[in-house]
N, C-alpha and C. Protein backbone atom coordinates (compact mmCIF):
# COMPACT_ATOMS: atom_id res chain seq x y z
N MET A 1 -3.73 23.26 2.52
CA MET A 1 -3.40 22.57 1.27
C MET A 1 -4.30 21.37 1.09
N SER A 2 -4.94 21.26 -0.05
CA SER A 2 -5.80 20.10 -0.26
C SER A 2 -4.97 18.96 -0.84
N MET A 3 -5.32 17.76 -0.44
CA MET A 3 -4.57 16.60 -0.90
C MET A 3 -5.29 15.99 -2.09
N THR A 4 -4.61 15.94 -3.23
CA THR A 4 -5.27 15.40 -4.41
C THR A 4 -5.13 13.88 -4.48
N ASP A 5 -4.06 13.34 -3.92
CA ASP A 5 -3.85 11.89 -3.99
C ASP A 5 -3.36 11.34 -2.65
N PRO A 6 -4.30 11.03 -1.76
CA PRO A 6 -3.91 10.55 -0.43
C PRO A 6 -3.11 9.25 -0.46
N ILE A 7 -3.36 8.40 -1.46
CA ILE A 7 -2.64 7.12 -1.53
C ILE A 7 -1.18 7.35 -1.90
N ALA A 8 -0.95 8.25 -2.86
CA ALA A 8 0.44 8.59 -3.22
C ALA A 8 1.15 9.19 -2.00
N ASP A 9 0.41 9.99 -1.22
CA ASP A 9 0.97 10.59 -0.01
C ASP A 9 1.38 9.50 0.98
N LEU A 10 0.51 8.51 1.17
CA LEU A 10 0.81 7.39 2.07
C LEU A 10 2.08 6.67 1.61
N LEU A 11 2.15 6.34 0.32
CA LEU A 11 3.31 5.61 -0.21
C LEU A 11 4.59 6.43 -0.06
N THR A 12 4.49 7.73 -0.32
CA THR A 12 5.66 8.60 -0.21
C THR A 12 6.15 8.68 1.23
N ARG A 13 5.21 8.81 2.17
CA ARG A 13 5.61 8.89 3.58
C ARG A 13 6.29 7.60 4.03
N ILE A 14 5.76 6.46 3.59
CA ILE A 14 6.37 5.17 3.95
C ILE A 14 7.77 5.07 3.33
N ARG A 15 7.85 5.43 2.04
CA ARG A 15 9.14 5.38 1.32
C ARG A 15 10.19 6.25 2.01
N ASN A 16 9.81 7.51 2.32
CA ASN A 16 10.76 8.43 2.93
C ASN A 16 11.19 7.98 4.32
N ALA A 17 10.22 7.53 5.13
CA ALA A 17 10.53 7.11 6.50
C ALA A 17 11.45 5.88 6.46
N SER A 18 11.19 4.99 5.51
CA SER A 18 11.98 3.77 5.38
C SER A 18 13.43 4.12 4.99
N GLN A 19 13.58 5.05 4.05
CA GLN A 19 14.92 5.45 3.62
C GLN A 19 15.66 6.17 4.74
N ALA A 20 14.92 6.88 5.58
CA ALA A 20 15.55 7.61 6.68
C ALA A 20 15.69 6.72 7.92
N ARG A 21 15.34 5.43 7.79
CA ARG A 21 15.46 4.44 8.87
C ARG A 21 14.61 4.79 10.10
N HIS A 22 13.49 5.45 9.90
CA HIS A 22 12.60 5.73 11.03
C HIS A 22 11.90 4.44 11.45
N PRO A 23 11.70 4.25 12.78
CA PRO A 23 11.01 3.04 13.23
C PRO A 23 9.52 3.08 12.90
N THR A 24 8.94 4.29 12.92
CA THR A 24 7.50 4.40 12.66
C THR A 24 7.22 5.59 11.75
N VAL A 25 6.03 5.60 11.17
CA VAL A 25 5.56 6.75 10.40
C VAL A 25 4.06 6.89 10.67
N VAL A 26 3.62 8.14 10.84
CA VAL A 26 2.20 8.38 11.13
C VAL A 26 1.56 9.04 9.91
N VAL A 27 0.43 8.51 9.47
CA VAL A 27 -0.27 9.06 8.31
C VAL A 27 -1.72 9.34 8.68
N PRO A 28 -2.34 10.31 8.00
CA PRO A 28 -3.77 10.56 8.24
C PRO A 28 -4.58 9.32 7.88
N ARG A 29 -5.65 9.08 8.64
CA ARG A 29 -6.42 7.85 8.50
C ARG A 29 -7.50 7.97 7.43
N SER A 30 -7.68 6.91 6.67
CA SER A 30 -8.85 6.77 5.80
C SER A 30 -9.08 5.28 5.61
N LYS A 31 -10.28 4.93 5.19
CA LYS A 31 -10.61 3.50 5.04
C LYS A 31 -9.68 2.82 4.05
N ILE A 32 -9.48 3.46 2.90
CA ILE A 32 -8.65 2.83 1.87
C ILE A 32 -7.21 2.67 2.34
N LYS A 33 -6.68 3.68 3.06
CA LYS A 33 -5.31 3.57 3.56
C LYS A 33 -5.19 2.44 4.57
N LEU A 34 -6.23 2.30 5.40
CA LEU A 34 -6.25 1.24 6.40
C LEU A 34 -6.18 -0.12 5.71
N GLU A 35 -6.94 -0.27 4.63
CA GLU A 35 -6.95 -1.54 3.88
C GLU A 35 -5.57 -1.79 3.25
N LEU A 36 -4.96 -0.74 2.70
CA LEU A 36 -3.64 -0.87 2.11
C LEU A 36 -2.61 -1.32 3.15
N VAL A 37 -2.67 -0.67 4.32
CA VAL A 37 -1.72 -0.98 5.39
C VAL A 37 -1.92 -2.42 5.89
N LYS A 38 -3.18 -2.87 5.95
CA LYS A 38 -3.45 -4.27 6.35
C LYS A 38 -2.78 -5.24 5.40
N ILE A 39 -2.84 -4.93 4.11
CA ILE A 39 -2.21 -5.81 3.11
C ILE A 39 -0.68 -5.80 3.28
N LEU A 40 -0.11 -4.62 3.50
CA LEU A 40 1.34 -4.54 3.70
C LEU A 40 1.76 -5.39 4.90
N LYS A 41 0.92 -5.39 5.95
CA LYS A 41 1.21 -6.18 7.15
C LYS A 41 1.10 -7.67 6.83
N GLN A 42 0.00 -8.08 6.20
CA GLN A 42 -0.20 -9.51 5.96
C GLN A 42 0.82 -10.08 4.98
N GLU A 43 1.36 -9.22 4.12
CA GLU A 43 2.38 -9.69 3.17
C GLU A 43 3.80 -9.53 3.72
N GLY A 44 3.92 -9.03 4.96
CA GLY A 44 5.21 -8.97 5.62
C GLY A 44 6.08 -7.77 5.26
N PHE A 45 5.50 -6.73 4.66
CA PHE A 45 6.30 -5.56 4.30
C PHE A 45 6.48 -4.59 5.47
N ILE A 46 5.58 -4.66 6.46
CA ILE A 46 5.72 -3.83 7.65
C ILE A 46 5.55 -4.69 8.90
N GLU A 47 6.06 -4.22 10.04
CA GLU A 47 5.93 -4.96 11.30
C GLU A 47 4.49 -4.98 11.78
N GLY A 48 3.82 -3.82 11.65
CA GLY A 48 2.45 -3.73 12.13
C GLY A 48 1.98 -2.30 12.06
N PHE A 49 0.80 -2.06 12.61
CA PHE A 49 0.26 -0.70 12.62
C PHE A 49 -0.74 -0.55 13.75
N ILE A 50 -0.98 0.70 14.14
CA ILE A 50 -2.00 0.99 15.14
C ILE A 50 -2.98 1.97 14.51
N ASP A 51 -4.26 1.62 14.57
CA ASP A 51 -5.31 2.49 14.04
C ASP A 51 -5.74 3.41 15.17
N VAL A 52 -5.54 4.73 15.01
CA VAL A 52 -5.91 5.69 16.04
C VAL A 52 -7.07 6.54 15.51
N PRO A 53 -8.32 6.15 15.84
CA PRO A 53 -9.47 6.86 15.25
C PRO A 53 -9.78 8.22 15.87
N GLU A 54 -9.00 8.67 16.87
CA GLU A 54 -9.30 9.95 17.52
C GLU A 54 -9.10 11.13 16.58
N GLY A 55 -9.71 12.25 16.96
CA GLY A 55 -9.55 13.48 16.19
C GLY A 55 -10.52 13.50 15.02
N PRO A 56 -10.51 14.59 14.27
CA PRO A 56 -11.46 14.72 13.16
C PRO A 56 -11.26 13.64 12.09
N GLN A 57 -10.01 13.27 11.85
CA GLN A 57 -9.75 12.27 10.82
C GLN A 57 -9.15 10.99 11.39
N GLY A 58 -8.36 11.13 12.44
CA GLY A 58 -7.68 9.97 12.98
C GLY A 58 -6.35 9.76 12.27
N GLN A 59 -5.58 8.81 12.77
CA GLN A 59 -4.26 8.54 12.19
C GLN A 59 -3.99 7.05 12.17
N ILE A 60 -3.03 6.67 11.35
CA ILE A 60 -2.54 5.29 11.35
C ILE A 60 -1.04 5.39 11.66
N LYS A 61 -0.61 4.69 12.72
CA LYS A 61 0.81 4.66 13.04
C LYS A 61 1.36 3.34 12.50
N ILE A 62 2.32 3.45 11.59
CA ILE A 62 2.85 2.27 10.90
C ILE A 62 4.25 1.97 11.43
N PHE A 63 4.47 0.71 11.81
CA PHE A 63 5.78 0.28 12.29
C PHE A 63 6.53 -0.36 11.12
N LEU A 64 7.61 0.31 10.71
CA LEU A 64 8.36 -0.17 9.55
C LEU A 64 9.22 -1.37 9.90
N ARG A 65 9.56 -2.12 8.87
CA ARG A 65 10.31 -3.35 9.08
C ARG A 65 11.66 -3.28 8.37
N TYR A 66 12.71 -3.73 9.06
CA TYR A 66 14.06 -3.71 8.48
C TYR A 66 14.67 -5.10 8.58
N ASP A 67 15.59 -5.39 7.65
CA ASP A 67 16.25 -6.70 7.70
C ASP A 67 17.46 -6.64 8.64
N ALA A 68 18.21 -7.73 8.69
CA ALA A 68 19.35 -7.82 9.61
C ALA A 68 20.39 -6.73 9.34
N ALA A 69 20.50 -6.33 8.07
CA ALA A 69 21.48 -5.29 7.71
C ALA A 69 20.87 -3.89 7.86
N ASN A 70 19.71 -3.82 8.50
CA ASN A 70 19.01 -2.56 8.75
C ASN A 70 18.59 -1.85 7.46
N ARG A 71 18.33 -2.63 6.41
CA ARG A 71 17.76 -2.06 5.19
C ARG A 71 16.26 -2.26 5.24
N GLY A 72 15.53 -1.30 4.70
CA GLY A 72 14.08 -1.41 4.71
C GLY A 72 13.64 -2.64 3.93
N VAL A 73 12.66 -3.35 4.46
CA VAL A 73 12.13 -4.53 3.77
C VAL A 73 11.44 -4.08 2.48
N ILE A 74 10.82 -2.90 2.52
CA ILE A 74 10.19 -2.35 1.32
C ILE A 74 11.27 -1.73 0.45
N ARG A 75 11.49 -2.33 -0.72
CA ARG A 75 12.52 -1.81 -1.62
C ARG A 75 11.94 -0.73 -2.53
N GLY A 76 10.66 -0.85 -2.83
CA GLY A 76 10.05 0.12 -3.73
C GLY A 76 8.55 0.16 -3.58
N LEU A 77 7.99 1.34 -3.82
CA LEU A 77 6.55 1.55 -3.81
C LEU A 77 6.24 2.39 -5.04
N ASP A 78 5.35 1.91 -5.88
CA ASP A 78 5.01 2.65 -7.10
C ASP A 78 3.52 2.90 -7.18
N ARG A 79 3.13 4.15 -7.32
CA ARG A 79 1.72 4.47 -7.52
C ARG A 79 1.43 4.23 -8.99
N VAL A 80 0.38 3.47 -9.30
CA VAL A 80 0.08 3.16 -10.69
C VAL A 80 -1.09 4.01 -11.18
N SER A 81 -2.26 3.83 -10.56
CA SER A 81 -3.44 4.57 -10.96
C SER A 81 -3.45 5.92 -10.25
N LYS A 82 -3.51 6.99 -10.99
CA LYS A 82 -3.48 8.32 -10.38
C LYS A 82 -4.84 8.99 -10.57
N PRO A 83 -5.13 10.00 -9.73
CA PRO A 83 -6.43 10.67 -9.88
C PRO A 83 -6.65 11.22 -11.29
N GLY A 84 -5.57 11.69 -11.94
CA GLY A 84 -5.72 12.25 -13.28
C GLY A 84 -5.74 11.19 -14.36
N CYS A 85 -5.28 9.99 -14.01
CA CYS A 85 -5.19 8.92 -15.01
C CYS A 85 -5.37 7.57 -14.32
N ARG A 86 -6.61 7.16 -14.23
CA ARG A 86 -6.91 5.89 -13.55
C ARG A 86 -6.47 4.72 -14.42
N LYS A 87 -6.00 3.66 -13.77
CA LYS A 87 -5.58 2.47 -14.52
C LYS A 87 -6.35 1.26 -14.00
N TYR A 88 -7.15 0.69 -14.88
CA TYR A 88 -7.95 -0.48 -14.50
C TYR A 88 -7.44 -1.71 -15.23
N VAL A 89 -7.52 -2.85 -14.56
CA VAL A 89 -7.13 -4.10 -15.22
C VAL A 89 -8.25 -5.13 -15.04
N GLY A 90 -8.43 -5.95 -16.06
CA GLY A 90 -9.36 -7.07 -15.96
C GLY A 90 -8.65 -8.18 -15.21
N ARG A 91 -9.40 -9.22 -14.85
CA ARG A 91 -8.78 -10.28 -14.04
C ARG A 91 -7.68 -11.01 -14.80
N ASP A 92 -7.72 -10.95 -16.14
CA ASP A 92 -6.69 -11.63 -16.93
C ASP A 92 -5.47 -10.74 -17.17
N GLU A 93 -5.56 -9.49 -16.74
CA GLU A 93 -4.46 -8.56 -17.03
C GLU A 93 -3.70 -8.17 -15.78
N ILE A 94 -3.97 -8.82 -14.66
CA ILE A 94 -3.29 -8.46 -13.41
C ILE A 94 -1.80 -8.75 -13.55
N PRO A 95 -0.98 -7.72 -13.39
CA PRO A 95 0.46 -7.89 -13.65
C PRO A 95 1.20 -8.64 -12.55
N ARG A 96 2.27 -9.31 -12.96
CA ARG A 96 3.20 -9.89 -11.97
C ARG A 96 4.25 -8.84 -11.69
N VAL A 97 4.51 -8.57 -10.42
CA VAL A 97 5.46 -7.53 -10.06
C VAL A 97 6.79 -8.18 -9.69
N ARG A 98 7.86 -7.73 -10.35
CA ARG A 98 9.21 -8.26 -10.08
C ARG A 98 9.22 -9.79 -10.07
N ASN A 99 8.65 -10.38 -11.12
CA ASN A 99 8.60 -11.84 -11.23
C ASN A 99 7.99 -12.53 -10.02
N GLY A 100 6.98 -11.92 -9.46
CA GLY A 100 6.30 -12.55 -8.33
C GLY A 100 6.91 -12.20 -6.99
N LEU A 101 8.02 -11.44 -6.98
CA LEU A 101 8.63 -11.06 -5.70
C LEU A 101 7.89 -9.88 -5.07
N GLY A 102 7.30 -9.06 -5.94
CA GLY A 102 6.55 -7.92 -5.43
C GLY A 102 5.07 -8.20 -5.50
N LEU A 103 4.26 -7.21 -5.13
CA LEU A 103 2.84 -7.43 -5.29
C LEU A 103 2.14 -6.22 -5.84
N ALA A 104 1.05 -6.50 -6.55
CA ALA A 104 0.18 -5.45 -7.05
C ALA A 104 -0.98 -5.35 -6.08
N ILE A 105 -1.42 -4.13 -5.78
CA ILE A 105 -2.57 -3.95 -4.90
C ILE A 105 -3.68 -3.27 -5.70
N LEU A 106 -4.87 -3.86 -5.68
CA LEU A 106 -5.99 -3.33 -6.45
C LEU A 106 -7.20 -3.07 -5.56
N THR A 107 -8.04 -2.13 -5.99
CA THR A 107 -9.35 -2.04 -5.37
C THR A 107 -10.30 -2.76 -6.31
N THR A 108 -11.06 -3.69 -5.77
CA THR A 108 -11.96 -4.50 -6.58
C THR A 108 -13.35 -4.41 -5.96
N PRO A 109 -14.35 -4.97 -6.65
CA PRO A 109 -15.69 -5.02 -6.05
C PRO A 109 -15.69 -5.82 -4.73
N LYS A 110 -14.66 -6.65 -4.53
CA LYS A 110 -14.58 -7.45 -3.30
C LYS A 110 -13.69 -6.81 -2.25
N GLY A 111 -13.35 -5.52 -2.44
CA GLY A 111 -12.49 -4.83 -1.48
C GLY A 111 -11.09 -4.65 -2.02
N VAL A 112 -10.19 -4.21 -1.15
CA VAL A 112 -8.80 -3.99 -1.55
C VAL A 112 -8.07 -5.33 -1.45
N LEU A 113 -7.51 -5.78 -2.57
CA LEU A 113 -6.87 -7.11 -2.62
C LEU A 113 -5.49 -7.02 -3.26
N THR A 114 -4.66 -8.04 -2.98
CA THR A 114 -3.40 -8.17 -3.72
C THR A 114 -3.74 -8.77 -5.08
N GLY A 115 -2.80 -8.67 -6.00
CA GLY A 115 -3.01 -9.25 -7.33
C GLY A 115 -3.37 -10.73 -7.25
N GLN A 116 -2.67 -11.47 -6.37
CA GLN A 116 -2.92 -12.90 -6.20
C GLN A 116 -4.35 -13.16 -5.72
N GLN A 117 -4.77 -12.40 -4.69
CA GLN A 117 -6.11 -12.58 -4.14
C GLN A 117 -7.17 -12.26 -5.19
N ALA A 118 -6.93 -11.21 -5.97
CA ALA A 118 -7.90 -10.81 -7.00
C ALA A 118 -8.00 -11.91 -8.06
N LEU A 119 -6.86 -12.51 -8.38
CA LEU A 119 -6.82 -13.59 -9.36
C LEU A 119 -7.66 -14.77 -8.89
N HIS A 120 -7.46 -15.15 -7.60
CA HIS A 120 -8.22 -16.26 -7.03
C HIS A 120 -9.70 -15.94 -6.94
N ALA A 121 -10.02 -14.65 -6.66
CA ALA A 121 -11.42 -14.25 -6.54
C ALA A 121 -12.05 -14.04 -7.92
N GLY A 122 -11.19 -14.03 -8.95
CA GLY A 122 -11.68 -13.86 -10.31
C GLY A 122 -12.20 -12.46 -10.61
N VAL A 123 -11.58 -11.45 -9.99
CA VAL A 123 -12.02 -10.08 -10.24
C VAL A 123 -10.85 -9.20 -10.67
N GLY A 124 -11.16 -8.17 -11.43
CA GLY A 124 -10.19 -7.15 -11.78
C GLY A 124 -10.54 -5.91 -10.98
N GLY A 125 -9.89 -4.79 -11.30
CA GLY A 125 -10.21 -3.57 -10.58
C GLY A 125 -9.22 -2.48 -10.88
N GLU A 126 -9.21 -1.46 -10.03
CA GLU A 126 -8.29 -0.36 -10.22
C GLU A 126 -6.94 -0.72 -9.61
N LEU A 127 -5.88 -0.59 -10.40
CA LEU A 127 -4.54 -0.96 -9.98
C LEU A 127 -3.95 0.20 -9.17
N LEU A 128 -3.96 0.07 -7.83
CA LEU A 128 -3.51 1.17 -6.98
C LEU A 128 -2.00 1.35 -7.02
N CYS A 129 -1.27 0.27 -6.67
CA CYS A 129 0.18 0.43 -6.57
C CYS A 129 0.89 -0.92 -6.64
N TYR A 130 2.21 -0.83 -6.82
CA TYR A 130 3.11 -1.98 -6.74
C TYR A 130 3.97 -1.82 -5.51
N VAL A 131 4.26 -2.93 -4.84
CA VAL A 131 5.18 -2.91 -3.70
C VAL A 131 6.18 -4.04 -3.92
N TRP A 132 7.45 -3.77 -3.66
CA TRP A 132 8.45 -4.86 -3.71
C TRP A 132 9.56 -4.58 -2.74
């Protein structure tokens, strides 16, 4: 089976594992996914991750994060730009997610950034997803 949208696959796997209260989830490795996972870590949505470059593609093992009541810290993941319908925003159009409680993740000429980082860097780009 060919994968048409690896980023949507990553978000779905994280969403499903989080709802099923799994401690970890393993996803196929790619540069863009690695960048996305780094942002989730730095913004506190996941505990951490291990990059396993072995094998033809390699894998990323993601350690999910739960609060004291054992609810997933990630409440929602939304894919915005899809392979069939890309969504680009200029630096003045970067959306606020859940009144600033969530974050937008974009690919920009300066790499994969959160909406805040892109704003400070003064760049727009492709709006990959929302996380809250």
